[in-house]
């Protein structure tokens, strides 16, 4: 695996790869979920590029940028073992040099749910991915379904700005008890870790109630009863899979989505309901 920390060198390395090229962007602290994205990338491309960059633009002033888990040596070893050809690992100065001021706003979808709670989050996500896509110029972009709103936002970015890239969404990687794999799981205490799978269980209950013909109100009540009382709920809802508009009745394709806090750690999850 070849590693570059600046834009010009990584472009040279990518140009030498056999095509098509797939790209897996990450913020590091890699787990099996990230590595499943690399495995999926290999099914769609010959050359595999990954990035590790903890993006400061997507953290609000009270959020955990400084505390976000970092394990660069471990990440590099995992990506090399997974068969990544080129790793782009810039620092913030390489991505946002002095005077950088451009951001991308894709509209209302970025200002609901996660965008309402984390006001500047999606502007940061969309801006960094727009820049990474311009640097890497991949044929395939590989994303994980765990951050469903993020994938919807990025698909809209690609549609609206006409990026010539095929987007592949990989199903959420889960622990045996159903908890979605996330770098933030490392912050959970043993007691919080034991309680955290109730978020997934609550979404399963909500989905199953909707598919059984229950009303949205009843399905949400089912989810509320399953979520542990030790969690602080941010939301349960049903949304259109493409627009993230709230649905009052189930109309697939859709997501049931949820977010809750276990102590100071905030976890997201979702379940896709296909046509």
Protein backbone atom coordinates (compact mmCIF):
# COMPACT_ATOMS: atom_id res chain seq x y z
CA UNK A 1 0.00 0.00 0.00
CA UNK A 2 1.29 3.43 -0.98
CA UNK A 3 0.60 6.38 1.33
CA UNK A 4 0.37 10.07 0.49
CA UNK A 5 -0.32 12.99 2.81
CA UNK A 6 -0.65 15.76 0.22
CA UNK A 7 -2.91 16.30 -2.79
CA UNK A 8 -0.41 16.35 -5.67
CA UNK A 9 1.37 13.11 -4.66
CA UNK A 10 -1.86 11.19 -4.11
CA UNK A 11 -3.11 12.21 -7.55
CA UNK A 12 0.09 10.83 -9.08
CA UNK A 13 -0.34 7.53 -7.25
CA UNK A 14 -4.00 7.22 -8.27
CA UNK A 15 -3.23 7.94 -11.93
CA UNK A 16 -0.93 4.90 -11.93
CA UNK A 17 -3.66 2.53 -10.68
CA UNK A 18 -5.46 0.15 -13.00
CA UNK A 19 -9.08 1.16 -13.47
CA UNK A 20 -11.81 1.23 -12.50
CA UNK A 21 -10.97 2.88 -9.16
CA UNK A 22 -13.13 2.65 -6.03
CA UNK A 23 -12.84 5.08 -3.13
CA UNK A 24 -13.59 4.46 0.56
CA UNK A 25 -13.49 7.67 2.64
CA UNK A 26 -13.10 7.23 6.41
CA UNK A 27 -12.29 9.20 9.56
CA UNK A 28 -10.10 6.37 10.84
CA UNK A 29 -10.40 4.42 14.11
CA UNK A 30 -11.22 1.57 11.77
CA UNK A 31 -13.32 -1.47 12.69
CA UNK A 32 -14.76 -4.41 10.78
CA UNK A 33 -17.51 -2.19 9.35
CA UNK A 34 -14.95 -0.04 7.56
CA UNK A 35 -13.12 -3.10 6.30
CA UNK A 36 -16.39 -4.46 4.87
CA UNK A 37 -16.48 -1.32 2.71
CA UNK A 38 -13.03 -2.19 1.34
CA UNK A 39 -14.25 -5.73 0.60
CA UNK A 40 -17.27 -4.29 -1.24
CA UNK A 41 -15.05 -1.88 -3.16
CA UNK A 42 -13.04 -4.80 -4.49
CA UNK A 43 -16.22 -6.26 -6.02
CA UNK A 44 -16.68 -3.14 -8.13
CA UNK A 45 -13.16 -2.00 -9.02
CA UNK A 46 -9.57 -3.01 -9.62
CA UNK A 47 -7.80 -0.12 -7.90
CA UNK A 48 -8.77 0.66 -4.29
CA UNK A 49 -8.18 4.06 -2.68
CA UNK A 50 -9.04 4.87 0.95
CA UNK A 51 -8.68 8.02 3.00
CA UNK A 52 -8.20 8.59 6.71
CA UNK A 53 -9.02 12.15 7.71
CA UNK A 54 -10.73 13.38 10.88
CA UNK A 55 -12.58 16.29 9.32
CA UNK A 56 -12.76 19.31 11.65
CA UNK A 57 -15.47 20.99 9.56
CA UNK A 58 -18.11 18.46 10.57
CA UNK A 59 -17.66 18.94 14.33
CA UNK A 60 -19.55 21.67 16.13
CA UNK A 61 -17.92 23.88 18.79
CA UNK A 62 -19.14 21.67 21.66
CA UNK A 63 -18.47 18.33 19.93
CA UNK A 64 -15.70 15.78 20.26
CA UNK A 65 -13.17 16.62 17.51
CA UNK A 66 -10.20 16.58 19.86
CA UNK A 67 -11.44 13.40 21.55
CA UNK A 68 -12.44 11.56 18.39
CA UNK A 69 -10.55 8.24 18.46
CA UNK A 70 -7.40 8.13 16.38
CA UNK A 71 -5.23 5.08 15.67
CA UNK A 72 -3.23 5.95 12.58
CA UNK A 73 -0.69 3.11 12.83
CA UNK A 74 -3.45 0.57 13.40
CA UNK A 75 -5.54 2.02 10.59
CA UNK A 76 -2.67 1.86 8.11
CA UNK A 77 -1.95 -1.76 9.01
CA UNK A 78 -5.62 -2.77 8.66
CA UNK A 79 -6.01 -1.05 5.29
CA UNK A 80 -2.80 -2.56 3.96
CA UNK A 81 -3.90 -6.02 5.07
CA UNK A 82 -7.30 -5.46 3.44
CA UNK A 83 -5.64 -4.83 0.08
CA UNK A 84 -5.98 -1.05 -0.29
CA UNK A 85 -3.66 0.21 -3.02
CA UNK A 86 -3.41 3.90 -2.12
CA UNK A 87 -4.10 5.59 1.20
CA UNK A 88 -4.64 9.35 1.37
CA UNK A 89 -3.94 10.55 4.93
CA UNK A 90 -3.80 14.35 4.90
CA UNK A 91 -3.78 16.66 7.88
CA UNK A 92 -6.15 19.63 8.21
CA UNK A 93 -3.60 22.01 6.68
CA UNK A 94 -3.40 19.94 3.50
CA UNK A 95 -7.18 19.89 3.11
CA UNK A 96 -7.92 23.40 4.38
CA UNK A 97 -4.95 25.68 3.68
CA UNK A 98 -4.82 29.24 4.93
CA UNK A 99 -7.66 31.24 3.40
CA UNK A 100 -9.92 28.26 2.73
CA UNK A 101 -13.54 29.44 2.98
CA UNK A 102 -15.66 27.46 0.48
CA UNK A 103 -18.44 25.26 1.79
CA UNK A 104 -21.25 23.29 0.11
CA UNK A 105 -24.89 23.33 1.25
CA UNK A 106 -27.26 20.86 -0.39
CA UNK A 107 -30.42 22.41 1.03
CA UNK A 108 -33.23 21.32 3.36
CA UNK A 109 -32.16 17.66 3.67
CA UNK A 110 -29.04 18.82 5.50
CA UNK A 111 -31.03 20.72 8.13
CA UNK A 112 -33.34 18.05 9.56
CA UNK A 113 -32.68 15.28 12.11
CA UNK A 114 -28.87 15.18 12.39
CA UNK A 115 -28.64 18.53 10.62
CA UNK A 116 -31.04 20.11 13.10
CA UNK A 117 -29.21 18.73 16.12
CA UNK A 118 -25.72 19.33 14.69
CA UNK A 119 -26.19 22.61 12.82
CA UNK A 120 -22.99 22.68 10.75
CA UNK A 121 -22.40 18.94 10.49
CA UNK A 122 -23.56 18.24 6.95
CA UNK A 123 -21.97 21.35 5.48
CA UNK A 124 -18.69 19.91 6.77
CA UNK A 125 -19.43 16.41 5.47
CA UNK A 126 -20.51 17.56 2.02
CA UNK A 127 -17.63 19.99 1.67
CA UNK A 128 -14.96 17.45 2.53
CA UNK A 129 -16.46 14.72 0.33
CA UNK A 130 -16.82 17.17 -2.58
CA UNK A 131 -13.12 17.98 -2.22
CA UNK A 132 -12.10 14.33 -1.82
CA UNK A 133 -14.06 13.37 -4.94
CA UNK A 134 -12.27 16.09 -6.89
CA UNK A 135 -8.90 14.85 -5.63
CA UNK A 136 -9.44 11.11 -6.10
CA UNK A 137 -11.82 11.21 -9.11
CA UNK A 138 -13.01 7.64 -8.49
CA UNK A 139 -15.31 5.57 -10.65
CA UNK A 140 -17.05 4.13 -7.56
CA UNK A 141 -17.73 5.68 -4.15
CA UNK A 142 -18.37 3.15 -1.36
CA UNK A 143 -20.38 4.25 1.71
CA UNK A 144 -21.89 2.47 4.70
CA UNK A 145 -25.62 2.48 5.38
CA UNK A 146 -25.17 3.09 9.13
CA UNK A 147 -25.22 6.84 8.55
CA UNK A 148 -28.34 6.77 6.40
CA UNK A 149 -28.92 10.52 6.29
CA UNK A 150 -25.30 11.08 5.37
CA UNK A 151 -25.57 8.67 2.45
CA UNK A 152 -28.75 10.42 1.27
CA UNK A 153 -27.05 13.81 1.51
CA UNK A 154 -24.01 12.59 -0.43
CA UNK A 155 -26.14 10.96 -3.13
CA UNK A 156 -27.86 14.34 -3.58
CA UNK A 157 -24.49 16.10 -3.79
CA UNK A 158 -23.44 13.72 -6.55
CA UNK A 159 -26.72 14.08 -8.45
CA UNK A 160 -26.86 17.86 -8.15
CA UNK A 161 -23.25 18.52 -9.12
CA UNK A 162 -23.02 15.79 -11.74
CA UNK A 163 -20.08 13.82 -10.37
CA UNK A 164 -19.41 10.88 -12.74
CA UNK A 165 -19.28 8.33 -9.93
CA UNK A 166 -21.30 5.23 -9.11
CA UNK A 167 -22.38 5.13 -5.45
CA UNK A 168 -22.44 1.75 -3.70
CA UNK A 169 -24.12 1.56 -0.27
CA UNK A 170 -22.97 -1.32 1.95
CA UNK A 171 -25.34 -2.71 4.63
CA UNK A 172 -24.59 -1.80 8.23
CA UNK A 173 -22.03 -4.01 9.92
CA UNK A 174 -23.25 -5.17 13.35
CA UNK A 175 -21.97 -6.83 16.47
CA UNK A 176 -23.53 -10.22 17.34
CA UNK A 177 -26.04 -8.47 19.63
CA UNK A 178 -27.17 -6.12 16.86
CA UNK A 179 -25.29 -2.97 17.84
CA UNK A 180 -24.12 -1.10 14.76
CA UNK A 181 -20.34 -0.98 14.61
CA UNK A 182 -19.13 2.59 15.17
CA UNK A 183 -15.89 4.25 16.23
CA UNK A 184 -17.87 5.97 18.98
CA UNK A 185 -18.71 2.62 20.61
CA UNK A 186 -15.25 2.82 22.16
CA UNK A 187 -16.54 5.59 24.44
CA UNK A 188 -19.23 3.40 26.02
CA UNK A 189 -18.76 2.14 29.56
CA UNK A 190 -19.48 -1.59 30.09
CA UNK A 191 -22.95 -0.73 31.42
CA UNK A 192 -23.69 1.58 28.47
CA UNK A 193 -22.36 -1.01 26.03
CA UNK A 194 -24.76 -3.57 27.48
CA UNK A 195 -27.68 -1.17 27.05
CA UNK A 196 -26.77 0.18 23.59
CA UNK A 197 -28.24 -2.72 21.52
CA UNK A 198 -31.72 -1.66 22.66
CA UNK A 199 -31.54 1.11 20.04
CA UNK A 200 -31.34 -1.49 17.27
CA UNK A 201 -33.99 -3.65 18.97
CA UNK A 202 -36.30 -0.63 19.19
CA UNK A 203 -35.93 0.07 15.47
CA UNK A 204 -36.64 -3.58 14.67
CA UNK A 205 -39.79 -3.35 16.76
CA UNK A 206 -40.82 -0.16 15.00
CA UNK A 207 -40.18 -1.60 11.54
CA UNK A 208 -42.05 -4.81 12.29
CA UNK A 209 -45.02 -2.88 13.68
CA UNK A 210 -45.20 -0.74 10.54
CA UNK A 211 -44.96 -3.77 8.27
CA UNK A 212 -47.77 -5.38 10.28
CA UNK A 213 -49.99 -2.40 9.45
CA UNK A 214 -49.72 -0.51 12.74
CA UNK A 215 -49.96 3.28 12.70
CA UNK A 216 -46.85 5.41 12.97
CA UNK A 217 -47.93 6.45 16.47
CA UNK A 218 -48.30 2.84 17.63
CA UNK A 219 -45.04 1.80 15.97
CA UNK A 220 -43.19 4.65 17.67
CA UNK A 221 -44.73 3.69 21.01
CA UNK A 222 -43.46 0.14 20.46
CA UNK A 223 -39.95 1.46 19.88
CA UNK A 224 -40.10 3.72 22.93
CA UNK A 225 -40.99 0.76 25.16
CA UNK A 226 -38.06 -1.30 23.88
CA UNK A 227 -35.38 1.38 24.24
CA UNK A 228 -33.76 1.15 27.65
CA UNK A 229 -34.86 3.74 30.20
CA UNK A 230 -31.18 4.56 30.70
CA UNK A 231 -30.93 6.05 27.20
CA UNK A 232 -31.88 9.62 26.31
CA UNK A 233 -33.86 9.51 23.05
CA UNK A 234 -33.34 12.15 20.38
CA UNK A 235 -35.79 10.74 17.84
CA UNK A 236 -37.52 7.77 16.23
CA UNK A 237 -39.14 8.41 12.83
CA UNK A 238 -39.96 7.12 9.34
CA UNK A 239 -38.46 8.95 6.36
CA UNK A 240 -38.37 8.72 2.60
CA UNK A 241 -35.19 6.89 1.63
CA UNK A 242 -34.15 9.45 -1.00
CA UNK A 243 -35.32 12.80 0.36
CA UNK A 244 -35.40 12.14 4.12
CA UNK A 245 -38.80 13.79 4.27
CA UNK A 246 -40.88 12.61 7.22
CA UNK A 247 -43.56 10.04 6.34
CA UNK A 248 -46.81 9.85 8.30
CA UNK A 249 -47.57 6.42 6.86
CA UNK A 250 -45.17 3.80 5.60
CA UNK A 251 -44.33 4.28 1.92
CA UNK A 252 -41.29 2.25 0.85
CA UNK A 253 -38.50 2.68 0.05
CA UNK A 254 -38.06 4.20 3.47
CA UNK A 255 -35.89 4.20 6.56
CA UNK A 256 -36.87 3.88 10.17
CA UNK A 257 -34.28 5.99 11.95
CA UNK A 258 -33.29 6.55 15.54
CA UNK A 259 -30.74 8.35 17.67
CA UNK A 260 -30.15 8.13 21.39
CA UNK A 261 -27.54 9.04 23.97
CA UNK A 262 -25.99 6.46 26.24
CA UNK A 263 -24.23 8.61 28.79
CA UNK A 264 -22.30 11.23 26.81
CA UNK A 265 -22.07 8.97 23.73
CA UNK A 266 -24.60 9.57 20.98
CA UNK A 267 -25.45 6.61 18.72
CA UNK A 268 -27.36 6.50 15.43
CA UNK A 269 -29.00 3.58 13.70
CA UNK A 270 -31.51 2.85 10.98
CA UNK A 271 -33.26 0.05 9.11
CA UNK A 272 -34.07 0.17 5.42
CA UNK A 273 -37.51 -0.87 4.24
CA UNK A 274 -37.34 -1.69 0.51
CA UNK A 275 -40.11 -1.51 -2.09
